[in-house]
Amino acid sequence: MFPHGAADRKSQRQPAAATDLTRQVTLDPPRFMNLVGLLGWTFNGRILRRKHLSPVQLALFETLMPLFTLEDRFVLPIGLGVYAAAEKPAA
């Protein structure tokens, strides 16, 4: 339809601002976090179809919170949130 695949080349082009940004910063690989929250959300929201946490579940969560910080030491394959960072090199 388009001569010489012009539409294909145009769709593969990146905006100039995006290419300039990737030259100016170093991107860290994205990291997942809050695996425990994902499990709790799935159990309560999807399986039990609850819209709110019970006071017992909230108290249990707050009691176990110091243990959940251990997940920061591992690279998780999945999680409720994603953390991505870019670092600008020193001038």
C-alpha atoms as a PDB file:
ATOM      1  CA  MET A   1       0.000   0.000   0.000  1.00  0.00           C
ATOM      2  CA  PHE A   2       2.803   2.436   0.908  1.00  0.00           C
ATOM      3  CA  PRO A   3       5.779   2.691  -1.420  1.00  0.00           C
ATOM      4  CA  HIS A   4       8.893   0.936  -0.196  1.00  0.00           C
ATOM      5  CA  GLY A   5       7.505   0.219   3.266  1.00  0.00           C
ATOM      6  CA  ALA A   6       7.336   3.876   4.322  1.00  0.00           C
ATOM      7  CA  ALA A   7       4.701   3.187   6.971  1.00  0.00           C
ATOM      8  CA  ASP A   8       6.845   0.472   8.540  1.00  0.00           C
ATOM      9  CA  ARG A   9       9.861   2.736   8.891  1.00  0.00           C
ATOM     10  CA  LYS A  10       7.785   5.589  10.310  1.00  0.00           C
ATOM     11  CA  SER A  11       6.177   3.390  12.966  1.00  0.00           C
ATOM     12  CA  GLN A  12       9.592   2.130  14.109  1.00  0.00           C
ATOM     13  CA  ARG A  13      11.043   5.622  14.585  1.00  0.00           C
ATOM     14  CA  GLN A  14      11.330   6.983  18.099  1.00  0.00           C
ATOM     15  CA  PRO A  15      10.676  10.641  18.888  1.00  0.00           C
ATOM     16  CA  ALA A  16      13.836  12.734  19.051  1.00  0.00           C
ATOM     17  CA  ALA A  17      13.228  13.606  22.704  1.00  0.00           C
ATOM     18  CA  ALA A  18      13.134   9.935  23.685  1.00  0.00           C
ATOM     19  CA  THR A  19      16.426   9.142  21.958  1.00  0.00           C
ATOM     20  CA  ASP A  20      18.119  12.217  23.463  1.00  0.00           C
ATOM     21  CA  LEU A  21      16.907  11.249  26.934  1.00  0.00           C
ATOM     22  CA  THR A  22      18.329   7.722  26.672  1.00  0.00           C
ATOM     23  CA  ARG A  23      21.717   9.188  25.743  1.00  0.00           C
ATOM     24  CA  GLN A  24      21.720  11.495  28.766  1.00  0.00           C
ATOM     25  CA  VAL A  25      20.696   9.060  31.530  1.00  0.00           C
ATOM     26  CA  THR A  26      21.477   5.531  32.615  1.00  0.00           C
ATOM     27  CA  LEU A  27      18.361   3.450  33.141  1.00  0.00           C
ATOM     28  CA  ASP A  28      18.331   0.929  35.963  1.00  0.00           C
ATOM     29  CA  PRO A  29      16.348  -2.224  35.279  1.00  0.00           C
ATOM     30  CA  PRO A  30      12.818  -2.030  36.725  1.00  0.00           C
ATOM     31  CA  ARG A  31      12.257  -3.872  40.006  1.00  0.00           C
ATOM     32  CA  PHE A  32       9.054  -5.332  41.329  1.00  0.00           C
ATOM     33  CA  MET A  33       8.092  -4.797  44.960  1.00  0.00           C
ATOM     34  CA  ASN A  34       5.369  -5.707  47.446  1.00  0.00           C
ATOM     35  CA  LEU A  35       4.895  -9.389  46.685  1.00  0.00           C
ATOM     36  CA  VAL A  36       3.073  -9.863  49.997  1.00  0.00           C
ATOM     37  CA  GLY A  37       0.646  -7.083  49.080  1.00  0.00           C
ATOM     38  CA  LEU A  38      -0.026  -8.772  45.754  1.00  0.00           C
ATOM     39  CA  LEU A  39      -0.799 -12.052  47.484  1.00  0.00           C
ATOM     40  CA  GLY A  40      -3.102 -10.330  50.000  1.00  0.00           C
ATOM     41  CA  TRP A  41      -4.846  -8.329  47.290  1.00  0.00           C
ATOM     42  CA  THR A  42      -5.388 -11.442  45.183  1.00  0.00           C
ATOM     43  CA  PHE A  43      -6.734 -13.449  48.122  1.00  0.00           C
ATOM     44  CA  ASN A  44      -9.046 -10.746  49.488  1.00  0.00           C
ATOM     45  CA  GLY A  45     -10.129  -9.026  46.309  1.00  0.00           C
ATOM     46  CA  ARG A  46     -10.248 -11.840  43.795  1.00  0.00           C
ATOM     47  CA  ILE A  47     -10.871 -15.013  45.765  1.00  0.00           C
ATOM     48  CA  LEU A  48     -12.956 -13.750  48.706  1.00  0.00           C
ATOM     49  CA  ARG A  49     -14.352 -10.765  46.730  1.00  0.00           C
ATOM     50  CA  ARG A  50     -13.922  -8.408  49.667  1.00  0.00           C
ATOM     51  CA  LYS A  51     -13.688  -4.680  49.172  1.00  0.00           C
ATOM     52  CA  HIS A  52     -12.151  -3.861  52.582  1.00  0.00           C
ATOM     53  CA  LEU A  53      -9.623  -5.417  54.951  1.00  0.00           C
ATOM     54  CA  SER A  54     -10.918  -6.774  58.215  1.00  0.00           C
ATOM     55  CA  PRO A  55      -9.452  -5.312  61.448  1.00  0.00           C
ATOM     56  CA  VAL A  56      -7.829  -8.687  62.181  1.00  0.00           C
ATOM     57  CA  GLN A  57      -6.079  -8.751  58.796  1.00  0.00           C
ATOM     58  CA  LEU A  58      -4.887  -5.181  59.229  1.00  0.00           C
ATOM     59  CA  ALA A  59      -3.496  -5.933  62.699  1.00  0.00           C
ATOM     60  CA  LEU A  60      -1.746  -9.036  61.346  1.00  0.00           C
ATOM     61  CA  PHE A  61      -0.249  -7.021  58.495  1.00  0.00           C
ATOM     62  CA  GLU A  62       1.069  -4.340  60.858  1.00  0.00           C
ATOM     63  CA  THR A  63       2.543  -7.009  63.149  1.00  0.00           C
ATOM     64  CA  LEU A  64       4.354  -8.750  60.287  1.00  0.00           C
ATOM     65  CA  MET A  65       5.471  -5.559  58.527  1.00  0.00           C
ATOM     66  CA  PRO A  66       9.117  -5.766  59.749  1.00  0.00           C
ATOM     67  CA  LEU A  67       9.405  -9.188  58.078  1.00  0.00           C
ATOM     68  CA  PHE A  68       8.092  -7.827  54.792  1.00  0.00           C
ATOM     69  CA  THR A  69      11.052  -5.479  54.498  1.00  0.00           C
ATOM     70  CA  LEU A  70      13.228  -8.541  53.868  1.00  0.00           C
ATOM     71  CA  GLU A  71      11.831  -8.770  50.348  1.00  0.00           C
ATOM     72  CA  ASP A  72      13.851  -5.643  49.473  1.00  0.00           C
ATOM     73  CA  ARG A  73      16.988  -7.801  49.507  1.00  0.00           C
ATOM     74  CA  PHE A  74      15.743 -10.027  46.674  1.00  0.00           C
ATOM     75  CA  VAL A  75      14.914  -9.443  43.036  1.00  0.00           C
ATOM     76  CA  LEU A  76      11.258 -10.392  42.739  1.00  0.00           C
ATOM     77  CA  PRO A  77       9.761 -11.811  39.543  1.00  0.00           C
ATOM     78  CA  ILE A  78       6.367 -10.186  40.241  1.00  0.00           C
ATOM     79  CA  GLY A  79       4.836  -7.685  42.637  1.00  0.00           C
ATOM     80  CA  LEU A  80       2.113  -5.141  43.235  1.00  0.00           C
ATOM     81  CA  GLY A  81       4.346  -2.194  42.328  1.00  0.00           C
ATOM     82  CA  VAL A  82       7.227  -1.441  39.993  1.00  0.00           C
ATOM     83  CA  TYR A  83      10.219   0.750  40.794  1.00  0.00           C
ATOM     84  CA  ALA A  84      12.206   2.200  37.916  1.00  0.00           C
ATOM     85  CA  ALA A  85      15.038   4.692  38.218  1.00  0.00           C
ATOM     86  CA  ALA A  86      17.214   6.700  35.877  1.00  0.00           C
ATOM     87  CA  GLU A  87      20.553   8.172  36.823  1.00  0.00           C
ATOM     88  CA  LYS A  88      22.022  11.254  35.216  1.00  0.00           C
ATOM     89  CA  PRO A  89      25.797  10.980  34.823  1.00  0.00           C
ATOM     90  CA  ALA A  90      27.982  13.488  36.631  1.00  0.00           C
ATOM     91  CA  ALA A  91      28.713  16.526  34.513  1.00  0.00           C
END
